[in-house]
Amino acid sequence: QGLGPLTVAGFRLARRQVAKCLPTLNTFAWLGYAYLVCAVGLASMSFAVQFASVLASFLATHLLFAVVSTILLVRRRKTLQLSSYQTLVFAVEALLVPAYTINMSKRLWTKQVLDLPAMSLGIRQARRTSDEFEREFALHQLCERLNLLSAGLDDESPGRRALAGQFVPVGLEQDQRGQSSERSQSELIRVAKACLTV
């Protein structure tokens, strides 16, 4: 989610989730580094040894790393909050594509979902940055993003679209819900902008 209240309980829960996943992700990262070193070493050997021998060695190395990755993936899938289907997909992709095995840690991290308002977290982190130039730059970027969100919210409102000549067929109850949601979003944007300037 983008904007919303950043609660202490939610923040601690997300930190615990990251701390729980991090050792496994780091293991996959080191596995990827080892695979890359082996691949580069085998590629450099291709100048001195027959290509067929190097290719056979590379295939054996790839199979070894794919099997190790799959075993680790199956054992740690609950820690990484992966479904059986996702685990199977990652394992098959690691077997078929060497680059996926090397980048397994990064690809697994993209599957982690934290229930935190990203914009609110960004504002918190920007305000806590010690470097003044970096802090000002981050706050400026966040302010620009909030302005874009605010402009987009105005453009999507039924009244604004009606003024633009677009007919918006909505019922009274649906319109009231939309207006309430719009006011709520506008209020969140206003509060976030105030946090940037305080």
Protein backbone atom coordinates (compact mmCIF):
# COMPACT_ATOMS: atom_id res chain seq x y z
CA GLN A 1 0.00 0.00 0.00
CA GLY A 2 1.08 3.61 -0.53
CA LEU A 3 -0.22 5.99 2.13
CA GLY A 4 -1.63 5.21 5.53
CA PRO A 5 -0.79 5.15 9.21
CA LEU A 6 2.56 3.58 10.05
CA THR A 7 1.90 1.79 13.33
CA VAL A 8 4.61 0.61 15.72
CA ALA A 9 3.10 -2.89 15.80
CA GLY A 10 3.01 -3.13 11.99
CA PHE A 11 6.56 -1.84 11.69
CA ARG A 12 7.86 -4.36 14.26
CA LEU A 13 6.00 -7.21 12.56
CA ALA A 14 7.55 -6.29 9.18
CA ARG A 15 11.02 -6.08 10.75
CA ARG A 16 10.57 -9.53 12.29
CA GLN A 17 9.49 -10.90 8.90
CA VAL A 18 12.57 -9.42 7.21
CA ALA A 19 14.87 -10.67 9.99
CA LYS A 20 13.36 -14.15 9.66
CA CYS A 21 13.87 -14.29 5.87
CA LEU A 22 17.27 -12.59 5.70
CA PRO A 23 19.53 -15.55 6.67
CA THR A 24 17.91 -17.76 4.00
CA LEU A 25 18.12 -15.02 1.37
CA ASN A 26 21.79 -14.43 2.25
CA THR A 27 22.46 -18.16 1.84
CA PHE A 28 20.95 -18.06 -1.65
CA ALA A 29 23.03 -14.96 -2.43
CA TRP A 30 26.28 -16.71 -1.44
CA LEU A 31 25.21 -19.75 -3.43
CA GLY A 32 24.73 -17.47 -6.43
CA TYR A 33 28.19 -15.90 -5.95
CA ALA A 34 29.76 -19.37 -5.79
CA TYR A 35 27.94 -20.42 -8.95
CA LEU A 36 29.10 -17.26 -10.76
CA VAL A 37 32.73 -17.84 -9.74
CA CYS A 38 32.53 -21.45 -10.99
CA ALA A 39 30.94 -20.33 -14.28
CA VAL A 40 33.62 -17.67 -14.87
CA GLY A 41 36.37 -20.16 -14.00
CA LEU A 42 34.98 -22.73 -16.44
CA ALA A 43 34.59 -20.08 -19.15
CA SER A 44 38.24 -19.05 -18.75
CA MET A 45 39.29 -22.71 -19.02
CA SER A 46 37.64 -22.95 -22.44
CA PHE A 47 40.72 -21.26 -23.99
CA ALA A 48 43.02 -24.06 -22.82
CA VAL A 49 40.75 -27.14 -22.74
CA GLN A 50 38.44 -28.68 -25.30
CA PHE A 51 35.06 -26.94 -25.44
CA ALA A 52 33.17 -30.23 -25.06
CA SER A 53 34.90 -30.91 -21.73
CA VAL A 54 34.17 -27.40 -20.48
CA LEU A 55 30.53 -27.68 -21.55
CA ALA A 56 30.15 -31.03 -19.77
CA SER A 57 31.74 -29.54 -16.64
CA PHE A 58 29.43 -26.53 -16.80
CA LEU A 59 26.33 -28.73 -17.17
CA ALA A 60 27.43 -30.84 -14.19
CA THR A 61 28.10 -27.68 -12.14
CA HIS A 62 24.74 -26.21 -13.11
CA LEU A 63 22.93 -29.41 -12.17
CA LEU A 64 24.71 -29.51 -8.80
CA PHE A 65 23.79 -25.90 -7.96
CA ALA A 66 20.21 -26.37 -9.21
CA VAL A 67 19.77 -29.43 -6.96
CA VAL A 68 21.28 -27.67 -3.93
CA SER A 69 19.07 -24.61 -4.56
CA THR A 70 15.97 -26.80 -4.88
CA ILE A 71 16.71 -28.67 -1.64
CA LEU A 72 17.28 -25.41 0.21
CA LEU A 73 14.16 -23.92 -1.36
CA VAL A 74 11.96 -26.84 -0.28
CA ARG A 75 13.36 -26.80 3.27
CA ARG A 76 12.95 -23.03 3.72
CA ARG A 77 9.74 -22.44 1.78
CA LYS A 78 7.68 -21.81 4.93
CA THR A 79 10.21 -19.26 6.14
CA LEU A 80 10.01 -17.52 2.76
CA GLN A 81 6.19 -17.80 2.75
CA LEU A 82 6.11 -19.60 -0.60
CA SER A 83 3.27 -21.81 -1.76
CA SER A 84 3.94 -25.28 -3.14
CA TYR A 85 3.28 -23.98 -6.65
CA GLN A 86 5.71 -21.05 -6.24
CA THR A 87 8.36 -23.43 -4.89
CA LEU A 88 7.90 -25.70 -7.90
CA VAL A 89 8.14 -22.76 -10.33
CA PHE A 90 11.35 -21.49 -8.72
CA ALA A 91 12.87 -24.98 -8.76
CA VAL A 92 12.03 -25.60 -12.44
CA GLU A 93 13.30 -22.16 -13.46
CA ALA A 94 16.54 -22.74 -11.54
CA LEU A 95 17.01 -26.00 -13.39
CA LEU A 96 16.33 -24.54 -16.84
CA VAL A 97 17.98 -21.10 -16.59
CA PRO A 98 21.45 -20.60 -15.01
CA ALA A 99 20.85 -16.86 -14.51
CA TYR A 100 17.80 -17.65 -12.36
CA THR A 101 19.90 -19.87 -10.11
CA ILE A 102 22.53 -17.14 -9.74
CA ASN A 103 19.89 -14.48 -8.93
CA MET A 104 17.67 -16.72 -6.79
CA SER A 105 18.07 -14.52 -3.70
CA LYS A 106 16.98 -11.37 -5.54
CA ARG A 107 14.05 -13.14 -7.19
CA LEU A 108 12.89 -14.60 -3.87
CA TRP A 109 13.07 -11.18 -2.22
CA THR A 110 10.62 -9.77 -4.81
CA LYS A 111 8.05 -12.29 -3.56
CA GLN A 112 8.20 -10.94 0.00
CA VAL A 113 5.23 -8.67 0.74
CA LEU A 114 5.36 -6.39 3.76
CA ASP A 115 2.09 -4.95 5.04
CA LEU A 116 3.46 -1.42 5.39
CA PRO A 117 2.44 1.88 3.76
CA ALA A 118 5.45 2.44 1.47
CA MET A 119 5.07 6.23 1.21
CA SER A 120 4.72 6.65 4.96
CA LEU A 121 7.76 4.45 5.52
CA GLY A 122 9.71 6.48 2.94
CA ILE A 123 8.84 9.73 4.75
CA ARG A 124 9.95 8.23 8.07
CA GLN A 125 13.25 7.02 6.63
CA ALA A 126 13.90 10.31 4.81
CA ARG A 127 13.37 12.35 7.98
CA ARG A 128 15.78 10.09 9.90
CA THR A 129 18.57 10.41 7.30
CA SER A 130 21.61 12.08 8.88
CA ASP A 131 23.09 13.52 5.66
CA GLU A 132 21.37 16.88 5.11
CA PHE A 133 21.70 16.91 1.30
CA GLU A 134 20.45 13.33 0.99
CA ARG A 135 17.55 14.07 3.35
CA GLU A 136 16.48 17.19 1.42
CA PHE A 137 16.70 15.34 -1.89
CA ALA A 138 14.60 12.43 -0.58
CA LEU A 139 11.99 14.79 0.90
CA HIS A 140 11.81 16.71 -2.39
CA GLN A 141 11.23 13.47 -4.33
CA LEU A 142 8.52 12.39 -1.88
CA CYS A 143 6.85 15.80 -2.15
CA GLU A 144 6.82 15.50 -5.95
CA ARG A 145 5.30 12.02 -5.67
CA LEU A 146 2.58 13.31 -3.33
CA ASN A 147 1.80 16.13 -5.78
CA LEU A 148 1.42 13.55 -8.56
CA LEU A 149 -0.88 11.44 -6.38
CA SER A 150 -2.94 14.49 -5.51
CA ALA A 151 -3.22 15.52 -9.16
CA GLY A 152 -4.20 11.97 -10.14
CA LEU A 153 -6.84 11.89 -7.43
CA ASP A 154 -8.32 15.15 -8.74
CA ASP A 155 -8.34 13.83 -12.32
CA GLU A 156 -10.13 10.61 -11.30
CA SER A 157 -12.92 12.29 -9.32
CA PRO A 158 -16.43 11.93 -10.87
CA GLY A 159 -17.00 15.68 -10.73
CA ARG A 160 -13.74 16.41 -12.55
CA ARG A 161 -14.52 13.82 -15.24
CA ALA A 162 -18.04 15.21 -15.68
CA LEU A 163 -16.55 18.68 -16.22
CA ALA A 164 -14.22 17.16 -18.80
CA GLY A 165 -17.25 15.90 -20.73
CA GLN A 166 -17.05 12.26 -19.65
CA PHE A 167 -20.35 10.76 -18.51
CA VAL A 168 -19.88 8.76 -15.32
CA PRO A 169 -22.90 6.55 -14.58
CA VAL A 170 -22.73 5.87 -10.83
CA GLY A 171 -25.45 5.27 -8.30
CA LEU A 172 -25.92 7.57 -5.31
CA GLU A 173 -24.52 5.05 -2.80
CA GLN A 174 -21.52 4.26 -5.02
CA ASP A 175 -20.92 7.98 -5.58
CA GLN A 176 -21.01 8.66 -1.82
CA ARG A 177 -18.53 5.83 -1.19
CA GLY A 178 -16.25 7.22 -3.91
CA GLN A 179 -16.41 10.73 -2.47
CA SER A 180 -15.71 9.40 1.03
CA SER A 181 -12.71 7.40 -0.23
CA GLU A 182 -11.49 10.44 -2.18
CA ARG A 183 -11.73 12.67 0.92
CA SER A 184 -9.88 10.03 2.93
CA GLN A 185 -7.06 9.88 0.35
CA SER A 186 -6.92 13.68 0.16
CA GLU A 187 -6.63 13.86 3.94
CA LEU A 188 -3.81 11.28 3.95
CA ILE A 189 -1.94 13.27 1.28
CA ARG A 190 -2.42 16.50 3.26
CA VAL A 191 -1.07 14.87 6.45
CA ALA A 192 1.89 13.37 4.55
CA LYS A 193 2.77 16.77 3.05
CA ALA A 194 2.63 18.30 6.53
CA CYS A 195 5.07 15.62 7.75
CA LEU A 196 7.50 16.59 4.99
CA THR A 197 7.60 20.25 6.05
CA VAL A 198 7.61 19.87 9.84
